[in-house]
Protein backbone atom coordinates (compact mmCIF):
# COMPACT_ATOMS: atom_id res chain seq x y z
CA MET A 1 -29.48 -26.70 11.38
CA LYS A 2 -28.48 -26.43 15.04
CA HIS A 3 -28.40 -22.83 16.21
CA ASN A 4 -28.61 -20.53 19.20
CA VAL A 5 -32.06 -19.35 20.24
CA THR A 6 -30.68 -16.71 22.60
CA ALA A 7 -27.24 -15.37 23.38
CA LYS A 8 -25.86 -13.67 26.47
CA ALA A 9 -23.52 -10.68 26.18
CA SER A 10 -19.90 -11.81 26.28
CA LYS A 11 -16.49 -10.45 25.33
CA ASP A 12 -15.56 -13.93 24.06
CA GLY A 13 -16.09 -15.38 20.60
CA PHE A 14 -14.74 -12.60 18.38
CA ILE A 15 -12.83 -13.61 15.25
CA GLN A 16 -10.22 -11.30 13.76
CA VAL A 17 -11.20 -10.85 10.12
CA LEU A 18 -8.49 -8.33 9.25
CA GLU A 19 -6.10 -6.31 11.38
CA GLY A 20 -8.32 -4.09 13.54
CA ILE A 21 -11.57 -5.69 12.37
CA LYS A 22 -13.28 -8.36 14.48
CA ARG A 23 -16.67 -10.01 14.15
CA LYS A 24 -18.82 -12.22 16.32
CA THR A 25 -21.92 -14.09 15.25
CA LEU A 26 -24.48 -13.46 17.98
CA VAL A 27 -27.42 -15.63 16.87
CA TYR A 28 -28.78 -17.10 13.66
CA GLY A 29 -31.84 -18.92 12.44
CA GLU A 30 -33.03 -20.40 9.19
CA LYS A 31 -33.21 -17.07 7.32
CA THR A 32 -31.14 -14.47 9.19
CA LEU A 33 -27.84 -14.12 11.02
CA LEU A 34 -26.95 -11.35 13.51
CA THR A 35 -23.32 -10.23 13.82
CA GLU A 36 -21.42 -7.67 15.90
CA PHE A 37 -18.39 -5.98 14.36
CA ARG A 38 -15.68 -4.18 16.34
CA LEU A 39 -13.71 -1.84 14.13
CA LYS A 40 -10.51 0.04 15.01
CA ARG A 41 -9.83 3.62 14.02
CA GLY A 42 -7.74 4.06 10.87
CA LYS A 43 -8.55 0.64 9.42
CA GLN A 44 -10.28 -0.15 6.13
CA LEU A 45 -12.79 -2.83 5.25
CA PRO A 46 -11.85 -3.41 1.60
CA VAL A 47 -14.31 -3.41 -1.28
CA HIS A 48 -16.20 -6.69 -1.39
CA LYS A 49 -19.61 -8.16 -2.19
CA HIS A 50 -21.63 -11.24 -1.29
CA PRO A 51 -25.05 -12.61 -2.27
CA GLN A 52 -26.62 -11.88 1.13
CA GLU A 53 -28.61 -8.72 1.83
CA GLN A 54 -27.03 -6.85 4.74
CA THR A 55 -28.71 -4.38 7.09
CA GLY A 56 -26.69 -2.57 9.71
CA TYR A 57 -26.81 -0.20 12.66
CA LEU A 58 -23.88 1.82 14.01
CA VAL A 59 -23.89 1.46 17.80
CA SER A 60 -20.85 3.65 18.44
CA GLY A 61 -18.03 5.38 16.62
CA HIS A 62 -17.82 6.90 13.15
CA ILE A 63 -17.37 5.21 9.78
CA ILE A 64 -17.56 6.21 6.15
CA LEU A 65 -19.51 3.50 4.37
CA THR A 66 -19.26 3.25 0.59
CA ILE A 67 -22.08 1.37 -1.14
CA ASP A 68 -22.07 0.90 -4.92
CA GLY A 69 -19.61 3.80 -5.30
CA GLU A 70 -21.52 6.29 -3.10
CA SER A 71 -20.06 7.30 0.29
CA PHE A 72 -22.10 7.86 3.45
CA ASP A 73 -20.88 9.46 6.69
CA MET A 74 -22.27 7.21 9.45
CA SER A 75 -22.63 8.20 13.13
CA PRO A 76 -24.10 6.35 16.14
CA GLY A 77 -27.75 5.56 15.54
CA ASP A 78 -27.43 5.56 11.74
CA SER A 79 -28.44 2.47 9.76
CA TRP A 80 -28.07 1.06 6.25
CA ILE A 81 -29.13 -1.60 3.81
CA ILE A 82 -26.82 -3.20 1.26
CA HIS A 83 -28.55 -5.38 -1.29
CA GLY A 84 -26.96 -8.67 -2.32
CA ASN A 85 -24.08 -8.62 -4.80
CA ILE A 86 -23.48 -4.86 -4.39
CA GLU A 87 -19.89 -3.75 -3.81
CA HIS A 88 -19.26 -2.01 -0.49
CA SER A 89 -16.43 -0.98 1.82
CA ALA A 90 -15.83 1.05 4.97
CA GLU A 91 -13.27 3.48 6.31
CA ILE A 92 -13.11 3.42 10.11
CA VAL A 93 -12.80 7.03 11.31
CA GLU A 94 -13.15 6.25 15.05
CA ASP A 95 -13.21 3.00 17.04
CA SER A 96 -16.67 1.68 16.19
CA VAL A 97 -19.20 -1.04 16.94
CA ALA A 98 -21.73 -2.07 14.30
CA VAL A 99 -24.46 -4.70 14.42
CA GLU A 100 -25.53 -6.28 11.15
CA VAL A 101 -28.11 -8.77 9.93
CA PHE A 102 -27.47 -10.99 6.90
CA SER A 103 -30.18 -12.73 4.91
CA PRO A 104 -30.04 -15.45 3.85
CA VAL A 105 -27.67 -16.76 6.51
CA ARG A 106 -23.97 -16.40 5.74
CA GLU A 107 -22.82 -19.98 6.13
CA ASP A 108 -19.21 -18.77 6.48
CA TYR A 109 -20.22 -16.82 9.63
CA ILE A 110 -21.74 -19.80 11.47
CA PRO A 111 -19.53 -20.66 14.45
CA THR A 112 -17.93 -24.10 14.33
């Protein structure tokens, strides 16, 4: 698997996932993948699940994260873990930036 060893900060490379929700894969290896999400106020990340474990950190903004039916009010500096195959969603209260790690690697997030 060819992959980045390091990555420089850049405003390029974001993919619009849904209206107001963008993601960018920063780096990935054999077992983990690091992604930055930019989330616009008033948008929703719908309920979904995937086999990968997901850990996250809210860099800026304010979101309400719902994990397995329980809601959490997240502010800058807060973090979370979502185990694989657990339903989760997010309500974006303010423009936000989150950084998340997926393990194993989400093949669908590897840049082409």
